[in-house]
Amino acid sequence: MRLLTLLARHGIERHADAIDRLDAWFDQHLPAGQRDLVVSDTSLPAGHTEPLGPGRTLIGSSNAYWEFSAWDAAITYLGRRIDDYDVVHLATSAFGALGTRHLERFDARILGLMPGRRAVLGHIDHVRQPVHICGACSQAWVRSSWVFVAPQELCRLGSLVGISTSALLFSGDPAAPFQPEAPLSQNCRDDLVGWITGDGNGLGTSWHSRFDLTAATLGYFEAKALAILNEHLLSIRLRQAGCTMVDATWLAARVSHLGPDRALERVPTWQWQVAAREVVLHKHLSRSVRAALVSGETADIARQYGTAVGRQLLWQALRRDPALATTRPLVGALRRLHGLDRRRRSC
């Protein structure tokens, strides 16, 4: 398998060891893989090209849309050569800054499932309620700091920048940073402000570089918010083009239950994968419940007979598990993620 990493960075003042950490990760997880590297640096002028060794190149890029501009520049630089690779690995220099457990799930067998499959593989993030961005509904996306996808899928999108007109989004007022008519739902606006300047996403995760929103920081807030929206839109556009989001932690557990000659068949919904990711490795749950969550057997039932049947079968299995007496928070998470509370809707 030929793999190409497109590493986006902005100079080397922060995450100066990103290339070394990237190489160390591949040495540990894919030691026999054939990999080339393009480093796209948004602190260098567009058109800058510098060899870094065999199969490695440093290029300059616009910083207009942060990592998305960097990746666009790398794809443009490569041209048709990108088709020579089986898988493209999108990464940012901050790939280890926000939770790294999912990075340990990748190996040659998991990545070997990618060629020929219309899928985007990484860590699925999500919010409590669906948001609307430019007319599209989204509740989950693949974290853009570490993504594996086929080159053909990226080429179908054209630019990886999904939204570029900040004047339609931002008001210039730190007290009310979004235009009243901006194509963003109110909960999307609240989520952006909460993540960038507040306590996080309400699911126990917060950003490592939060700051107060003032007139002095407004420009940086707008740039960060635009990057988050483009992260959402990258997954939205890939899904609209026919790609399935695959969570690496779920997939690693699923593959461990496959025989050596068995292929991965169905991939359950992102809700199923995230719920499985949260509870499947919980030591207090019975083996049968963990197996059902990992393998997606109940998800297959849901596909065949209707989601309500599949959800109810899983819920009954969970309720029969005596270990749940001490894991009520997990049950609550499962209820929310699977939509068992009918008042909630997902997209």
Protein backbone atom coordinates (compact mmCIF):
# COMPACT_ATOMS: atom_id res chain seq x y z
CA MET A 1 0.00 0.00 0.00
CA ARG A 2 1.36 3.40 -0.99
CA LEU A 3 0.50 6.12 1.48
CA LEU A 4 0.93 9.88 1.21
CA THR A 5 0.95 12.19 4.24
CA LEU A 6 -0.01 15.83 3.74
CA LEU A 7 1.15 17.60 6.91
CA ALA A 8 -0.17 21.11 7.47
CA ARG A 9 1.77 23.44 9.74
CA HIS A 10 2.32 27.14 10.39
CA GLY A 11 6.03 27.54 11.00
CA ILE A 12 7.90 25.68 13.71
CA GLU A 13 7.46 27.93 16.74
CA ARG A 14 4.77 25.54 17.97
CA HIS A 15 4.89 21.77 17.47
CA ALA A 16 8.43 22.04 16.16
CA ASP A 17 8.88 18.28 16.50
CA ALA A 18 5.77 17.38 14.49
CA ILE A 19 7.70 15.62 11.70
CA ASP A 20 9.75 13.63 14.21
CA ARG A 21 6.60 12.60 16.10
CA LEU A 22 4.92 11.68 12.84
CA ASP A 23 7.87 9.51 11.81
CA ALA A 24 7.96 7.85 15.23
CA TRP A 25 4.26 7.02 14.97
CA PHE A 26 4.70 5.39 11.56
CA ASP A 27 7.80 3.51 12.71
CA GLN A 28 5.71 2.01 15.51
CA HIS A 29 2.42 1.39 13.75
CA LEU A 30 3.31 0.94 10.07
CA PRO A 31 7.00 0.06 9.99
CA ALA A 32 6.82 -1.68 6.61
CA GLY A 33 4.64 0.88 4.87
CA GLN A 34 5.72 2.86 1.83
CA ARG A 35 5.08 6.51 2.61
CA ASP A 36 5.84 9.88 1.07
CA LEU A 37 5.46 13.23 2.80
CA VAL A 38 4.53 16.72 1.70
CA VAL A 39 4.81 19.38 4.41
CA SER A 40 2.67 22.39 3.54
CA ASP A 41 3.76 25.39 5.64
CA THR A 42 1.40 28.36 5.73
CA SER A 43 4.16 30.62 7.08
CA LEU A 44 6.12 30.23 3.84
CA PRO A 45 5.21 32.02 0.60
CA ALA A 46 3.16 30.17 -1.97
CA GLY A 47 5.47 28.72 -4.58
CA HIS A 48 8.24 27.87 -2.12
CA THR A 49 9.54 24.33 -2.73
CA GLU A 50 12.31 22.62 -0.79
CA PRO A 51 13.37 18.96 -0.77
CA LEU A 52 13.55 17.35 2.67
CA GLY A 53 14.94 14.01 1.55
CA PRO A 54 13.78 11.08 -0.58
CA GLY A 55 10.01 11.22 -1.02
CA ARG A 56 9.76 14.36 1.15
CA THR A 57 9.06 17.94 0.13
CA LEU A 58 8.38 21.21 1.95
CA ILE A 59 6.14 23.72 0.16
CA GLY A 60 4.72 27.14 1.01
CA SER A 61 1.03 27.93 1.19
CA SER A 62 -1.51 30.64 1.84
CA ASN A 63 -2.79 30.75 5.43
CA ALA A 64 -6.19 32.14 4.48
CA TYR A 65 -8.05 29.04 5.69
CA TRP A 66 -5.39 27.47 7.88
CA GLU A 67 -4.86 23.73 7.34
CA PHE A 68 -7.44 23.60 4.55
CA SER A 69 -5.44 26.10 2.49
CA ALA A 70 -2.31 24.07 3.26
CA TRP A 71 -3.86 20.83 2.04
CA ASP A 72 -5.24 22.53 -1.07
CA ALA A 73 -1.75 23.81 -1.86
CA ALA A 74 -0.27 20.32 -1.42
CA ILE A 75 -2.89 18.72 -3.66
CA THR A 76 -2.30 21.38 -6.31
CA TYR A 77 1.45 20.84 -6.08
CA LEU A 78 1.06 17.09 -6.58
CA GLY A 79 -1.40 17.30 -9.46
CA ARG A 80 -2.13 13.91 -11.02
CA ARG A 81 0.68 12.31 -9.00
CA ILE A 82 -1.75 12.02 -6.09
CA ASP A 83 -3.50 9.21 -8.00
CA ASP A 84 -0.39 7.05 -7.57
CA TYR A 85 -1.24 6.56 -3.88
CA ASP A 86 -3.74 4.19 -2.30
CA VAL A 87 -4.47 6.34 0.75
CA VAL A 88 -3.93 10.00 1.62
CA HIS A 89 -3.24 10.88 5.23
CA LEU A 90 -4.27 14.42 6.20
CA ALA A 91 -2.57 15.63 9.37
CA THR A 92 -1.81 18.86 11.20
CA SER A 93 1.24 19.59 13.32
CA ALA A 94 -1.09 19.65 16.36
CA PHE A 95 -2.26 16.07 15.82
CA GLY A 96 -1.24 15.07 19.35
CA ALA A 97 -2.62 18.08 21.20
CA LEU A 98 -6.21 16.97 21.88
CA GLY A 99 -6.59 13.37 22.98
CA THR A 100 -4.28 10.77 21.49
CA ARG A 101 -5.74 7.41 22.51
CA HIS A 102 -7.31 6.93 19.10
CA LEU A 103 -3.87 7.21 17.47
CA GLU A 104 -2.93 3.91 19.09
CA ARG A 105 -5.77 2.10 17.28
CA PHE A 106 -4.35 2.35 13.78
CA ASP A 107 -2.29 -0.45 12.27
CA ALA A 108 -1.59 -2.08 8.92
CA ARG A 109 -4.70 -4.26 8.98
CA ILE A 110 -7.04 -1.34 9.67
CA LEU A 111 -5.50 0.83 6.97
CA GLY A 112 -5.50 -2.16 4.65
CA LEU A 113 -9.29 -1.99 4.69
CA MET A 114 -9.26 1.49 3.14
CA PRO A 115 -8.27 0.95 -0.53
CA GLY A 116 -11.39 0.41 -2.60
CA ARG A 117 -13.76 1.47 0.20
CA ARG A 118 -15.57 4.80 0.05
CA ALA A 119 -14.81 5.82 3.60
CA VAL A 120 -13.06 8.48 5.66
CA LEU A 121 -11.23 7.04 8.67
CA GLY A 122 -10.29 8.91 11.84
CA HIS A 123 -11.71 9.93 15.20
CA ILE A 124 -15.40 10.88 15.11
CA ASP A 125 -16.24 13.95 17.18
CA HIS A 126 -19.83 14.98 17.84
CA VAL A 127 -22.05 17.50 19.60
CA ARG A 128 -25.17 16.94 21.69
CA GLN A 129 -27.62 18.31 19.16
CA PRO A 130 -27.53 18.60 15.34
CA VAL A 131 -26.39 21.95 13.99
CA HIS A 132 -27.05 23.56 10.64
CA ILE A 133 -24.23 25.01 8.56
CA CYS A 134 -24.89 26.58 5.17
CA GLY A 135 -28.10 24.57 4.80
CA ALA A 136 -26.53 21.24 5.79
CA CYS A 137 -27.30 19.32 8.96
CA SER A 138 -24.39 17.97 10.98
CA GLN A 139 -23.92 16.39 14.38
CA ALA A 140 -20.67 14.48 13.86
CA TRP A 141 -17.47 14.83 11.88
CA VAL A 142 -14.03 13.26 11.57
CA ARG A 143 -11.39 15.24 13.46
CA SER A 144 -9.31 16.87 10.75
CA SER A 145 -5.95 16.65 12.52
CA TRP A 146 -5.61 12.94 11.61
CA VAL A 147 -7.61 11.58 8.65
CA PHE A 148 -7.14 8.73 6.16
CA VAL A 149 -9.06 8.84 2.89
CA ALA A 150 -8.67 7.73 -0.71
CA PRO A 151 -7.16 10.36 -3.04
CA GLN A 152 -10.11 10.04 -5.41
CA GLU A 153 -12.46 11.24 -2.67
CA LEU A 154 -10.40 14.37 -2.09
CA CYS A 155 -10.22 15.09 -5.81
CA ARG A 156 -14.01 14.81 -6.09
CA LEU A 157 -14.33 17.71 -3.66
CA GLY A 158 -12.06 20.07 -5.54
CA SER A 159 -11.00 22.52 -2.85
CA LEU A 160 -11.08 21.27 0.75
CA VAL A 161 -12.24 24.73 1.79
CA GLY A 162 -16.00 24.41 2.23
CA ILE A 163 -16.77 28.02 3.15
CA SER A 164 -14.55 30.97 2.34
CA THR A 165 -16.66 34.12 2.64
CA SER A 166 -16.20 35.26 6.22
CA ALA A 167 -18.11 38.50 5.56
CA LEU A 168 -21.33 36.45 5.45
CA LEU A 169 -20.59 34.97 8.87
CA PHE A 170 -19.06 37.56 11.16
CA SER A 171 -20.31 40.89 12.44
CA GLY A 172 -17.07 42.45 13.68
CA ASP A 173 -18.57 42.83 17.16
CA PRO A 174 -17.06 40.66 19.94
CA ALA A 175 -20.26 40.96 21.97
CA ALA A 176 -22.26 39.35 19.13
CA PRO A 177 -19.66 37.91 16.74
CA PHE A 178 -22.00 36.46 14.09
CA GLN A 179 -24.08 38.22 11.48
CA PRO A 180 -27.82 37.89 12.23
CA GLU A 181 -28.36 36.38 8.77
CA ALA A 182 -25.30 34.08 8.87
CA PRO A 183 -26.17 30.58 7.58
CA LEU A 184 -25.57 29.02 11.01
CA SER A 185 -28.13 27.71 13.47
CA GLN A 186 -28.16 29.32 16.90
CA ASN A 187 -26.83 26.20 18.61
CA CYS A 188 -23.97 26.11 16.09
CA ARG A 189 -23.04 29.67 17.07
CA ASP A 190 -23.28 28.78 20.75
CA ASP A 191 -21.10 25.70 20.24
CA LEU A 192 -18.43 27.73 18.45
CA VAL A 193 -18.27 30.36 21.19
CA GLY A 194 -18.31 27.71 23.90
CA TRP A 195 -15.54 25.65 22.33
CA ILE A 196 -13.19 28.51 21.48
CA THR A 197 -13.70 30.73 24.52
CA GLY A 198 -15.59 28.64 27.09
CA ASP A 199 -15.62 25.28 28.81
CA GLY A 200 -15.75 23.05 25.74
CA ASN A 201 -18.41 20.95 24.06
CA GLY A 202 -20.43 19.89 27.11
CA LEU A 203 -19.30 16.29 26.65
CA GLY A 204 -16.23 16.46 28.85
CA THR A 205 -13.79 17.78 26.24
CA SER A 206 -12.35 21.28 25.99
CA TRP A 207 -9.98 22.99 23.59
CA HIS A 208 -6.36 23.26 24.68
CA SER A 209 -5.98 26.90 23.53
CA ARG A 210 -9.16 28.66 24.68
CA PHE A 211 -9.09 32.45 25.10
CA ASP A 212 -11.38 35.32 26.04
CA LEU A 213 -13.28 36.98 23.18
CA THR A 214 -12.38 40.66 23.05
CA ALA A 215 -11.81 43.26 20.35
CA ALA A 216 -8.14 42.29 20.39
CA THR A 217 -8.82 38.56 19.87
CA LEU A 218 -11.77 38.90 17.51
CA GLY A 219 -9.73 38.27 14.35
CA TYR A 220 -8.28 35.07 15.77
CA PHE A 221 -11.74 33.96 16.93
CA GLU A 222 -13.09 34.41 13.42
CA ALA A 223 -10.21 32.46 11.87
CA LYS A 224 -10.62 29.61 14.37
CA ALA A 225 -14.40 29.52 13.95
CA LEU A 226 -13.98 29.39 10.17
CA ALA A 227 -11.53 26.48 10.52
CA ILE A 228 -14.03 24.58 12.69
CA LEU A 229 -16.80 25.18 10.17
CA ASN A 230 -14.54 23.92 7.37
CA GLU A 231 -13.78 20.85 9.49
CA HIS A 232 -17.52 20.17 9.77
CA LEU A 233 -18.01 20.84 6.09
CA LEU A 234 -15.21 18.50 5.03
CA SER A 235 -17.07 15.57 6.60
CA ILE A 236 -20.44 16.85 5.37
CA ARG A 237 -19.18 17.09 1.81
CA LEU A 238 -17.49 13.69 1.94
CA ARG A 239 -20.73 12.13 3.23
CA GLN A 240 -22.73 13.87 0.52
CA ALA A 241 -20.30 12.44 -2.03
CA GLY A 242 -20.93 8.92 -0.73
CA CYS A 243 -18.19 8.43 1.90
CA THR A 244 -18.93 6.67 5.19
CA MET A 245 -17.38 8.03 8.38
CA VAL A 246 -15.45 5.29 10.21
CA ASP A 247 -14.22 5.70 13.77
CA ALA A 248 -10.76 4.20 14.32
CA THR A 249 -11.46 2.99 17.86
CA TRP A 250 -14.63 1.18 16.80
CA LEU A 251 -12.92 -0.26 13.72
CA ALA A 252 -9.95 -1.55 15.73
CA ALA A 253 -12.31 -3.39 18.07
CA ARG A 254 -14.36 -4.70 15.15
CA VAL A 255 -11.31 -5.98 13.28
CA SER A 256 -10.12 -7.80 16.40
CA HIS A 257 -13.32 -9.91 16.18
CA LEU A 258 -12.83 -10.75 12.50
CA GLY A 259 -11.09 -13.89 11.40
CA PRO A 260 -7.94 -13.44 9.32
CA ASP A 261 -9.77 -14.11 6.05
CA ARG A 262 -13.01 -12.27 6.84
CA ALA A 263 -13.68 -8.91 5.26
CA LEU A 264 -15.33 -5.97 6.94
CA GLU A 265 -18.87 -5.79 5.65
CA ARG A 266 -21.37 -3.32 7.05
CA VAL A 267 -20.29 -0.18 8.87
CA PRO A 268 -22.95 1.00 11.35
CA THR A 269 -23.99 4.60 11.79
CA TRP A 270 -21.70 7.10 13.48
CA GLN A 271 -24.02 7.02 16.53
CA TRP A 272 -23.51 3.30 16.82
CA GLN A 273 -19.76 3.58 16.44
CA VAL A 274 -19.44 6.33 19.03
CA ALA A 275 -21.65 4.52 21.52
CA ALA A 276 -19.63 1.34 21.01
CA ARG A 277 -16.41 3.30 21.40
CA GLU A 278 -17.56 4.67 24.74
CA VAL A 279 -18.83 1.47 26.31
CA VAL A 280 -17.45 -1.54 24.47
CA LEU A 281 -14.14 -1.60 26.31
CA HIS A 282 -15.74 -0.92 29.68
CA LYS A 283 -14.57 -3.83 31.81
CA HIS A 284 -17.77 -4.03 33.86
CA LEU A 285 -20.02 -4.80 30.90
CA SER A 286 -20.72 -8.40 30.00
CA ARG A 287 -18.89 -9.99 27.10
CA SER A 288 -22.11 -10.51 25.16
CA VAL A 289 -23.03 -6.83 25.33
CA ARG A 290 -19.52 -5.76 24.34
CA ALA A 291 -19.55 -8.21 21.45
CA ALA A 292 -22.89 -6.91 20.21
CA LEU A 293 -21.63 -3.35 20.34
CA VAL A 294 -18.33 -4.09 18.62
CA SER A 295 -19.56 -6.32 15.85
CA GLY A 296 -22.59 -4.25 15.07
CA GLU A 297 -24.82 -7.34 15.12
CA THR A 298 -27.71 -5.34 16.51
CA ALA A 299 -26.96 -2.63 13.96
CA ASP A 300 -27.40 -5.25 11.24
CA ILE A 301 -30.75 -6.21 12.77
CA ALA A 302 -31.67 -2.55 12.78
CA ARG A 303 -30.81 -2.28 9.09
CA GLN A 304 -32.96 -5.28 8.24
CA TYR A 305 -35.95 -4.76 10.48
CA GLY A 306 -35.85 -1.08 11.36
CA THR A 307 -33.78 1.02 13.70
CA ALA A 308 -36.33 0.91 16.51
CA VAL A 309 -36.08 -2.89 16.71
CA GLY A 310 -32.30 -2.83 16.74
CA ARG A 311 -32.17 -0.17 19.42
CA GLN A 312 -34.68 -1.94 21.60
CA LEU A 313 -32.81 -5.26 21.35
CA LEU A 314 -29.59 -3.58 22.42
CA TRP A 315 -31.34 -1.68 25.19
CA GLN A 316 -32.88 -4.88 26.52
CA ALA A 317 -29.49 -6.59 26.51
CA LEU A 318 -27.98 -3.68 28.40
CA ARG A 319 -30.76 -3.62 30.97
CA ARG A 320 -30.26 -7.33 31.64
CA ASP A 321 -26.59 -6.74 32.40
CA PRO A 322 -26.18 -6.52 36.21
CA ALA A 323 -23.00 -4.48 35.85
CA LEU A 324 -25.08 -1.52 34.71
CA ALA A 325 -25.97 -0.85 38.34
CA THR A 326 -22.59 0.93 38.59
CA THR A 327 -22.42 2.38 35.08
CA ARG A 328 -25.48 4.60 34.86
CA PRO A 329 -23.58 7.49 33.17
CA LEU A 330 -22.71 5.12 30.33
CA VAL A 331 -26.33 4.14 29.99
CA GLY A 332 -27.30 7.79 29.76
CA ALA A 333 -24.70 8.36 27.05
CA LEU A 334 -26.01 5.35 25.14
CA ARG A 335 -29.59 6.56 25.40
CA ARG A 336 -28.64 9.95 24.02
CA LEU A 337 -26.41 8.68 21.24
CA HIS A 338 -28.87 6.08 19.99
CA GLY A 339 -31.84 8.40 20.10
CA LEU A 340 -33.73 6.20 22.54
CA ASP A 341 -35.07 9.41 23.99
CA ARG A 342 -37.60 10.20 21.24
CA ARG A 343 -37.48 13.90 21.97
CA ARG A 344 -34.04 14.06 20.39
CA ARG A 345 -33.42 13.86 16.68
CA SER A 346 -30.19 13.30 14.81
CA CYS A 347 -28.90 13.96 11.32
